[in-house]
Amino acid sequence: MKLKITFMFCSFLASAICLLAVAQSDQSKAPASKQWPKNGQSESDHRTAVTNAVKSFTAVLTRAGYDRQLRNRLTASCDSAKQAVSKEGNIDIPDDVIIMFYEPDTRGDHFGFSLPPFNEQARAPYKYTDDDYYQCCFPGFRKFLMTTAEPSLEAALNAAMTRAGYDSTFRKQLTVSCDSAKKAVSDEGHIQIGNEVQMIFHEGEWDERYHIFELPPYDPNSKKQHEYRKYFRGLYPVWHQ
């Protein structure tokens, strides 16, 4: 009886070792995550990383053209969007990168802003409608419509832009994430902002950490490729490969 138990235990142990070896072998065969563009890279590494990121965005936009579940993940939140791009492109995206996707008919609920210059000694008033600051995602006339249809949000955004001009802590709250930005604007304006609204604030046009895309048309029967450049909406000069 003891011999039988010992034999069964050895067989079990051998099977476990084999399964572990197979798992490790599969992991070793899996391609390494690609590099993402970031500060401090050499010119050559940055160029390669930009190509990686562009291919990842093109891949996720292409699949979003026919995959409803992926499309929903891309628009659910900025964090969900980043996770989806990372998985689809097999690319390692740094924590400080922010990515937003929106459906064409919801562009009015999505915002991208460049912050005003910083001077903690000044209290200069700034308006979100200034062309230097409002960058996405609706054509210019939307700014006028908001001042009449949504005056509370307009006032909150103006108050947030003004405070960002002299308060460094508040400024960081606006730039660290989409959720943090919306909460900061909500608190500053003493208003409730709907779940459908997403917003990004960034320091300047050469900051490549902030990405906004409009999704392509949805067609479950089409596998048409959708390129990064066609659907890119900001917030930096478009990448050239």
C-alpha atoms as a PDB file:
ATOM      1  CA  MET A   1       0.000   0.000   0.000  1.00  0.00           C
ATOM      2  CA  LYS A   2       2.835   2.370   0.927  1.00  0.00           C
ATOM      3  CA  LEU A   3       4.560   1.581  -2.350  1.00  0.00           C
ATOM      4  CA  LYS A   4       1.404   2.413  -4.311  1.00  0.00           C
ATOM      5  CA  ILE A   5       0.972   5.743  -2.538  1.00  0.00           C
ATOM      6  CA  THR A   6       4.616   6.616  -3.104  1.00  0.00           C
ATOM      7  CA  PHE A   7       4.292   5.787  -6.804  1.00  0.00           C
ATOM      8  CA  MET A   8       1.155   7.964  -7.152  1.00  0.00           C
ATOM      9  CA  PHE A   9       2.850  10.855  -5.359  1.00  0.00           C
ATOM     10  CA  CYS A  10       5.920  10.621  -7.630  1.00  0.00           C
ATOM     11  CA  SER A  11       3.686  10.533 -10.698  1.00  0.00           C
ATOM     12  CA  PHE A  12       1.793  13.593  -9.503  1.00  0.00           C
ATOM     13  CA  LEU A  13       5.028  15.435  -8.757  1.00  0.00           C
ATOM     14  CA  ALA A  14       6.456  14.579 -12.169  1.00  0.00           C
ATOM     15  CA  SER A  15       3.285  15.834 -13.877  1.00  0.00           C
ATOM     16  CA  ALA A  16       3.416  19.084 -11.926  1.00  0.00           C
ATOM     17  CA  ILE A  17       7.053  19.614 -12.891  1.00  0.00           C
ATOM     18  CA  CYS A  18       6.236  18.994 -16.558  1.00  0.00           C
ATOM     19  CA  LEU A  19       3.327  21.473 -16.489  1.00  0.00           C
ATOM     20  CA  LEU A  20       5.547  24.092 -14.872  1.00  0.00           C
ATOM     21  CA  ALA A  21       8.224  23.542 -17.504  1.00  0.00           C
ATOM     22  CA  VAL A  22       5.663  23.922 -20.316  1.00  0.00           C
ATOM     23  CA  ALA A  23       4.302  27.137 -18.768  1.00  0.00           C
ATOM     24  CA  GLN A  24       7.773  28.600 -18.451  1.00  0.00           C
ATOM     25  CA  SER A  25       8.533  27.592 -22.025  1.00  0.00           C
ATOM     26  CA  ASP A  26       5.371  29.327 -23.276  1.00  0.00           C
ATOM     27  CA  GLN A  27       6.291  32.464 -21.345  1.00  0.00           C
ATOM     28  CA  SER A  28       9.776  32.477 -22.827  1.00  0.00           C
ATOM     29  CA  LYS A  29       8.251  32.277 -26.320  1.00  0.00           C
ATOM     30  CA  ALA A  30       5.902  35.228 -25.691  1.00  0.00           C
ATOM     31  CA  PRO A  31       7.195  38.427 -27.309  1.00  0.00           C
ATOM     32  CA  ALA A  32       8.505  41.068 -24.938  1.00  0.00           C
ATOM     33  CA  SER A  33       6.413  44.197 -24.453  1.00  0.00           C
ATOM     34  CA  LYS A  34       7.392  46.981 -26.824  1.00  0.00           C
ATOM     35  CA  GLN A  35       8.869  50.303 -25.694  1.00  0.00           C
ATOM     36  CA  TRP A  36       6.763  53.477 -25.380  1.00  0.00           C
ATOM     37  CA  PRO A  37       7.993  57.036 -26.178  1.00  0.00           C
ATOM     38  CA  LYS A  38       9.193  58.864 -23.077  1.00  0.00           C
ATOM     39  CA  ASN A  39      11.600  61.551 -21.912  1.00  0.00           C
ATOM     40  CA  GLY A  40      15.287  60.756 -21.772  1.00  0.00           C
ATOM     41  CA  GLN A  41      15.378  58.350 -24.709  1.00  0.00           C
ATOM     42  CA  SER A  42      18.003  58.672 -27.409  1.00  0.00           C
ATOM     43  CA  GLU A  43      16.786  59.948 -30.764  1.00  0.00           C
ATOM     44  CA  SER A  44      16.968  56.445 -32.210  1.00  0.00           C
ATOM     45  CA  ASP A  45      15.112  54.841 -29.293  1.00  0.00           C
ATOM     46  CA  HIS A  46      12.445  57.546 -29.368  1.00  0.00           C
ATOM     47  CA  ARG A  47      11.903  57.035 -33.096  1.00  0.00           C
ATOM     48  CA  THR A  48      11.500  53.295 -32.559  1.00  0.00           C
ATOM     49  CA  ALA A  49       9.167  53.855 -29.617  1.00  0.00           C
ATOM     50  CA  VAL A  50       7.019  56.265 -31.657  1.00  0.00           C
ATOM     51  CA  THR A  51       6.694  53.612 -34.370  1.00  0.00           C
ATOM     52  CA  ASN A  52       5.640  51.102 -31.696  1.00  0.00           C
ATOM     53  CA  ALA A  53       3.006  53.469 -30.288  1.00  0.00           C
ATOM     54  CA  VAL A  54       1.635  54.414 -33.710  1.00  0.00           C
ATOM     55  CA  LYS A  55       1.278  50.740 -34.670  1.00  0.00           C
ATOM     56  CA  SER A  56      -0.451  50.038 -31.354  1.00  0.00           C
ATOM     57  CA  PHE A  57      -2.947  52.860 -31.871  1.00  0.00           C
ATOM     58  CA  THR A  58      -3.598  51.753 -35.460  1.00  0.00           C
ATOM     59  CA  ALA A  59      -4.160  48.177 -34.290  1.00  0.00           C
ATOM     60  CA  VAL A  60      -6.626  49.186 -31.588  1.00  0.00           C
ATOM     61  CA  LEU A  61      -8.472  51.645 -33.878  1.00  0.00           C
ATOM     62  CA  THR A  62      -8.732  48.978 -36.578  1.00  0.00           C
ATOM     63  CA  ARG A  63     -10.180  46.411 -34.209  1.00  0.00           C
ATOM     64  CA  ALA A  64     -12.495  49.008 -32.668  1.00  0.00           C
ATOM     65  CA  GLY A  65     -14.024  49.405 -36.119  1.00  0.00           C
ATOM     66  CA  TYR A  66     -15.625  45.960 -35.826  1.00  0.00           C
ATOM     67  CA  ASP A  67     -15.307  44.854 -32.174  1.00  0.00           C
ATOM     68  CA  ARG A  68     -18.029  46.372 -30.003  1.00  0.00           C
ATOM     69  CA  GLN A  69     -16.632  45.071 -26.715  1.00  0.00           C
ATOM     70  CA  LEU A  70     -13.236  46.646 -27.364  1.00  0.00           C
ATOM     71  CA  ARG A  71     -14.933  49.847 -28.427  1.00  0.00           C
ATOM     72  CA  ASN A  72     -16.788  49.957 -25.125  1.00  0.00           C
ATOM     73  CA  ARG A  73     -13.555  49.431 -23.175  1.00  0.00           C
ATOM     74  CA  LEU A  74     -11.884  52.273 -25.057  1.00  0.00           C
ATOM     75  CA  THR A  75     -14.645  54.742 -24.205  1.00  0.00           C
ATOM     76  CA  ALA A  76     -15.398  53.556 -20.652  1.00  0.00           C
ATOM     77  CA  SER A  77     -12.598  55.608 -19.085  1.00  0.00           C
ATOM     78  CA  CYS A  78      -9.087  56.859 -19.747  1.00  0.00           C
ATOM     79  CA  ASP A  79      -7.631  54.051 -17.611  1.00  0.00           C
ATOM     80  CA  SER A  80      -9.655  51.418 -19.450  1.00  0.00           C
ATOM     81  CA  ALA A  81      -8.516  52.888 -22.773  1.00  0.00           C
ATOM     82  CA  LYS A  82      -4.861  52.709 -21.771  1.00  0.00           C
ATOM     83  CA  GLN A  83      -5.179  49.088 -20.668  1.00  0.00           C
ATOM     84  CA  ALA A  84      -6.859  48.176 -23.966  1.00  0.00           C
ATOM     85  CA  VAL A  85      -4.139  49.835 -26.062  1.00  0.00           C
ATOM     86  CA  SER A  86      -1.426  48.184 -23.972  1.00  0.00           C
ATOM     87  CA  LYS A  87      -2.954  44.732 -24.436  1.00  0.00           C
ATOM     88  CA  GLU A  88      -3.799  45.093 -28.134  1.00  0.00           C
ATOM     89  CA  GLY A  89      -0.405  46.531 -29.011  1.00  0.00           C
ATOM     90  CA  ASN A  90       1.625  44.437 -26.555  1.00  0.00           C
ATOM     91  CA  ILE A  91       3.238  47.649 -25.395  1.00  0.00           C
ATOM     92  CA  ASP A  92       4.300  48.838 -21.950  1.00  0.00           C
ATOM     93  CA  ILE A  93       2.625  52.227 -21.323  1.00  0.00           C
ATOM     94  CA  PRO A  94       3.996  54.372 -18.452  1.00  0.00           C
ATOM     95  CA  ASP A  95       1.693  55.362 -15.580  1.00  0.00           C
ATOM     96  CA  ASP A  96       1.801  59.081 -16.465  1.00  0.00           C
ATOM     97  CA  VAL A  97       0.414  58.553 -19.987  1.00  0.00           C
ATOM     98  CA  ILE A  98      -3.265  59.465 -20.455  1.00  0.00           C
ATOM     99  CA  ILE A  99      -5.344  58.155 -23.370  1.00  0.00           C
ATOM    100  CA  MET A 100      -8.904  59.098 -24.303  1.00  0.00           C
ATOM    101  CA  PHE A 101     -11.167  57.682 -27.030  1.00  0.00           C
ATOM    102  CA  TYR A 102     -14.639  58.960 -27.852  1.00  0.00           C
ATOM    103  CA  GLU A 103     -17.488  58.118 -30.192  1.00  0.00           C
ATOM    104  CA  PRO A 104     -18.022  60.761 -32.909  1.00  0.00           C
ATOM    105  CA  ASP A 105     -21.463  61.684 -31.571  1.00  0.00           C
ATOM    106  CA  THR A 106     -20.132  62.222 -28.018  1.00  0.00           C
ATOM    107  CA  ARG A 107     -17.346  64.682 -28.839  1.00  0.00           C
ATOM    108  CA  GLY A 108     -19.254  67.375 -26.984  1.00  0.00           C
ATOM    109  CA  ASP A 109     -18.698  65.488 -23.726  1.00  0.00           C
ATOM    110  CA  HIS A 110     -14.926  65.201 -24.193  1.00  0.00           C
ATOM    111  CA  PHE A 111     -12.428  67.985 -23.612  1.00  0.00           C
ATOM    112  CA  GLY A 112      -8.743  68.640 -24.048  1.00  0.00           C
ATOM    113  CA  PHE A 113      -7.118  71.770 -22.638  1.00  0.00           C
ATOM    114  CA  SER A 114      -3.675  73.313 -22.541  1.00  0.00           C
ATOM    115  CA  LEU A 115      -3.013  75.036 -19.215  1.00  0.00           C
ATOM    116  CA  PRO A 116      -2.188  78.756 -18.988  1.00  0.00           C
ATOM    117  CA  PRO A 117       1.318  79.938 -18.005  1.00  0.00           C
ATOM    118  CA  PHE A 118       2.150  79.501 -14.338  1.00  0.00           C
ATOM    119  CA  ASN A 119       2.814  82.470 -12.026  1.00  0.00           C
ATOM    120  CA  GLU A 120       2.024  81.949  -8.355  1.00  0.00           C
ATOM    121  CA  GLN A 121       2.303  85.702  -7.705  1.00  0.00           C
ATOM    122  CA  ALA A 122      -0.448  86.564 -10.188  1.00  0.00           C
ATOM    123  CA  ARG A 123      -4.190  86.004 -10.187  1.00  0.00           C
ATOM    124  CA  ALA A 124      -4.828  86.564 -13.886  1.00  0.00           C
ATOM    125  CA  PRO A 125      -8.267  85.360 -14.999  1.00  0.00           C
ATOM    126  CA  TYR A 126      -8.295  82.762 -17.785  1.00  0.00           C
ATOM    127  CA  LYS A 127     -11.157  81.384 -19.842  1.00  0.00           C
ATOM    128  CA  TYR A 128     -11.300  77.866 -21.211  1.00  0.00           C
ATOM    129  CA  THR A 129     -12.660  79.285 -24.477  1.00  0.00           C
ATOM    130  CA  ASP A 130      -9.381  81.055 -25.274  1.00  0.00           C
ATOM    131  CA  ASP A 131      -7.957  79.540 -28.451  1.00  0.00           C
ATOM    132  CA  ASP A 132      -4.610  78.950 -26.722  1.00  0.00           C
ATOM    133  CA  TYR A 133      -6.266  76.629 -24.185  1.00  0.00           C
ATOM    134  CA  TYR A 134      -9.294  74.923 -25.747  1.00  0.00           C
ATOM    135  CA  GLN A 135      -7.947  72.184 -28.033  1.00  0.00           C
ATOM    136  CA  CYS A 136     -10.494  69.398 -28.256  1.00  0.00           C
ATOM    137  CA  CYS A 137     -12.894  67.920 -29.074  1.00  0.00           C
ATOM    138  CA  PHE A 138     -15.651  70.003 -30.654  1.00  0.00           C
ATOM    139  CA  PRO A 139     -15.428  72.665 -33.363  1.00  0.00           C
ATOM    140  CA  GLY A 140     -15.153  76.246 -32.158  1.00  0.00           C
ATOM    141  CA  PHE A 141     -18.862  76.981 -32.196  1.00  0.00           C
ATOM    142  CA  ARG A 142     -19.321  74.435 -29.398  1.00  0.00           C
ATOM    143  CA  LYS A 143     -17.608  76.870 -27.067  1.00  0.00           C
ATOM    144  CA  PHE A 144     -20.309  79.427 -27.724  1.00  0.00           C
ATOM    145  CA  LEU A 145     -23.071  76.864 -27.270  1.00  0.00           C
ATOM    146  CA  MET A 146     -21.685  75.816 -23.914  1.00  0.00           C
ATOM    147  CA  THR A 147     -21.742  79.371 -22.572  1.00  0.00           C
ATOM    148  CA  THR A 148     -25.488  79.451 -23.142  1.00  0.00           C
ATOM    149  CA  ALA A 149     -26.533  75.819 -22.618  1.00  0.00           C
ATOM    150  CA  GLU A 150     -24.188  74.831 -19.783  1.00  0.00           C
ATOM    151  CA  PRO A 151     -23.233  77.994 -17.887  1.00  0.00           C
ATOM    152  CA  SER A 152     -22.328  76.111 -14.689  1.00  0.00           C
ATOM    153  CA  LEU A 153     -19.755  73.951 -16.479  1.00  0.00           C
ATOM    154  CA  GLU A 154     -18.403  76.991 -18.294  1.00  0.00           C
ATOM    155  CA  ALA A 155     -17.945  78.826 -14.975  1.00  0.00           C
ATOM    156  CA  ALA A 156     -16.278  75.779 -13.390  1.00  0.00           C
ATOM    157  CA  LEU A 157     -13.838  75.404 -16.275  1.00  0.00           C
ATOM    158  CA  ASN A 158     -12.974  79.102 -16.211  1.00  0.00           C
ATOM    159  CA  ALA A 159     -12.407  78.958 -12.449  1.00  0.00           C
ATOM    160  CA  ALA A 160     -10.199  75.877 -12.854  1.00  0.00           C
ATOM    161  CA  MET A 161      -8.124  77.498 -15.601  1.00  0.00           C
ATOM    162  CA  THR A 162      -7.656  80.640 -13.492  1.00  0.00           C
ATOM    163  CA  ARG A 163      -6.592  78.744 -10.374  1.00  0.00           C
ATOM    164  CA  ALA A 164      -4.233  76.571 -12.425  1.00  0.00           C
ATOM    165  CA  GLY A 165      -2.390  79.757 -13.348  1.00  0.00           C
ATOM    166  CA  TYR A 166      -1.124  80.243  -9.771  1.00  0.00           C
ATOM    167  CA  ASP A 167      -1.725  77.033  -7.752  1.00  0.00           C
ATOM    168  CA  SER A 168       0.845  74.310  -8.536  1.00  0.00           C
ATOM    169  CA  THR A 169      -0.913  71.634  -6.455  1.00  0.00           C
ATOM    170  CA  PHE A 170      -4.208  72.242  -8.214  1.00  0.00           C
ATOM    171  CA  ARG A 171      -2.399  72.277 -11.538  1.00  0.00           C
ATOM    172  CA  LYS A 172      -1.059  68.782 -10.857  1.00  0.00           C
ATOM    173  CA  GLN A 173      -4.547  67.565  -9.978  1.00  0.00           C
ATOM    174  CA  LEU A 174      -5.656  68.658 -13.423  1.00  0.00           C
ATOM    175  CA  THR A 175      -2.833  66.910 -15.285  1.00  0.00           C
ATOM    176  CA  VAL A 176      -2.366  63.637 -13.386  1.00  0.00           C
ATOM    177  CA  SER A 177      -5.429  61.766 -14.733  1.00  0.00           C
ATOM    178  CA  CYS A 178      -8.850  62.198 -16.325  1.00  0.00           C
ATOM    179  CA  ASP A 179     -10.651  61.347 -13.088  1.00  0.00           C
ATOM    180  CA  SER A 180      -8.497  63.721 -11.057  1.00  0.00           C
ATOM    181  CA  ALA A 181      -9.070  66.505 -13.590  1.00  0.00           C
ATOM    182  CA  LYS A 182     -12.843  66.118 -13.523  1.00  0.00           C
ATOM    183  CA  LYS A 183     -12.935  66.030  -9.724  1.00  0.00           C
ATOM    184  CA  ALA A 184     -10.777  69.171  -9.512  1.00  0.00           C
ATOM    185  CA  VAL A 185     -13.072  71.059 -11.898  1.00  0.00           C
ATOM    186  CA  SER A 186     -16.149  69.757 -10.095  1.00  0.00           C
ATOM    187  CA  ASP A 187     -14.832  70.827  -6.685  1.00  0.00           C
ATOM    188  CA  GLU A 188     -13.659  74.218  -7.920  1.00  0.00           C
ATOM    189  CA  GLY A 189     -16.988  74.976  -9.584  1.00  0.00           C
ATOM    190  CA  HIS A 190     -19.142  73.315  -6.899  1.00  0.00           C
ATOM    191  CA  ILE A 191     -21.002  71.361  -9.562  1.00  0.00           C
ATOM    192  CA  GLN A 192     -21.799  67.744 -10.379  1.00  0.00           C
ATOM    193  CA  ILE A 193     -20.263  66.634 -13.673  1.00  0.00           C
ATOM    194  CA  GLY A 194     -21.894  63.697 -15.468  1.00  0.00           C
ATOM    195  CA  ASN A 195     -20.196  60.323 -15.803  1.00  0.00           C
ATOM    196  CA  GLU A 196     -20.206  60.700 -19.587  1.00  0.00           C
ATOM    197  CA  VAL A 197     -17.888  63.716 -19.437  1.00  0.00           C
ATOM    198  CA  GLN A 198     -14.126  63.166 -19.732  1.00  0.00           C
ATOM    199  CA  MET A 199     -11.416  65.812 -19.763  1.00  0.00           C
ATOM    200  CA  ILE A 200      -7.669  66.116 -20.085  1.00  0.00           C
ATOM    201  CA  PHE A 201      -5.432  69.044 -19.149  1.00  0.00           C
ATOM    202  CA  HIS A 202      -1.792  69.240 -20.225  1.00  0.00           C
ATOM    203  CA  GLU A 203       1.138  71.610 -19.862  1.00  0.00           C
ATOM    204  CA  GLY A 204       1.998  72.247 -23.508  1.00  0.00           C
ATOM    205  CA  GLU A 205       1.810  70.988 -27.072  1.00  0.00           C
ATOM    206  CA  TRP A 206       5.166  69.201 -26.934  1.00  0.00           C
ATOM    207  CA  ASP A 207       4.111  66.972 -24.054  1.00  0.00           C
ATOM    208  CA  GLU A 208       3.555  63.573 -25.692  1.00  0.00           C
ATOM    209  CA  ARG A 209       1.878  61.911 -22.714  1.00  0.00           C
ATOM    210  CA  TYR A 210      -1.676  63.022 -23.591  1.00  0.00           C
ATOM    211  CA  HIS A 211      -3.530  61.289 -26.418  1.00  0.00           C
ATOM    212  CA  ILE A 212      -7.074  61.829 -27.698  1.00  0.00           C
ATOM    213  CA  PHE A 213      -8.702  59.839 -30.501  1.00  0.00           C
ATOM    214  CA  GLU A 214     -12.066  59.820 -32.225  1.00  0.00           C
ATOM    215  CA  LEU A 215     -13.218  56.281 -32.954  1.00  0.00           C
ATOM    216  CA  PRO A 216     -13.769  55.178 -36.567  1.00  0.00           C
ATOM    217  CA  PRO A 217     -17.234  54.223 -37.867  1.00  0.00           C
ATOM    218  CA  TYR A 218     -18.496  50.909 -36.521  1.00  0.00           C
ATOM    219  CA  ASP A 219     -19.056  48.063 -38.959  1.00  0.00           C
ATOM    220  CA  PRO A 220     -18.953  44.512 -37.543  1.00  0.00           C
ATOM    221  CA  ASN A 221     -18.544  43.101 -41.063  1.00  0.00           C
ATOM    222  CA  SER A 222     -15.508  45.172 -42.009  1.00  0.00           C
ATOM    223  CA  LYS A 223     -11.838  44.634 -41.161  1.00  0.00           C
ATOM    224  CA  LYS A 224     -10.708  47.897 -42.779  1.00  0.00           C
ATOM    225  CA  GLN A 225      -7.515  49.309 -41.315  1.00  0.00           C
ATOM    226  CA  HIS A 226      -7.897  52.624 -39.482  1.00  0.00           C
ATOM    227  CA  GLU A 227      -4.701  54.636 -39.257  1.00  0.00           C
ATOM    228  CA  TYR A 228      -3.466  56.519 -36.194  1.00  0.00           C
ATOM    229  CA  ARG A 229      -3.129  59.866 -37.980  1.00  0.00           C
ATOM    230  CA  LYS A 230      -6.670  59.971 -39.367  1.00  0.00           C
ATOM    231  CA  TYR A 231      -8.327  59.683 -35.951  1.00  0.00           C
ATOM    232  CA  PHE A 232      -5.766  61.463 -33.798  1.00  0.00           C
ATOM    233  CA  ARG A 233      -7.164  64.655 -32.201  1.00  0.00           C
ATOM    234  CA  GLY A 234      -4.321  65.775 -29.918  1.00  0.00           C
ATOM    235  CA  LEU A 235      -2.834  66.974 -27.695  1.00  0.00           C
ATOM    236  CA  TYR A 236       0.604  67.243 -29.335  1.00  0.00           C
ATOM    237  CA  PRO A 237       1.796  67.621 -32.943  1.00  0.00           C
ATOM    238  CA  VAL A 238       0.984  64.410 -34.794  1.00  0.00           C
ATOM    239  CA  TRP A 239       3.773  61.857 -34.863  1.00  0.00           C
ATOM    240  CA  HIS A 240       5.519  61.311 -38.189  1.00  0.00           C
ATOM    241  CA  GLN A 241       7.213  57.970 -38.825  1.00  0.00           C
END
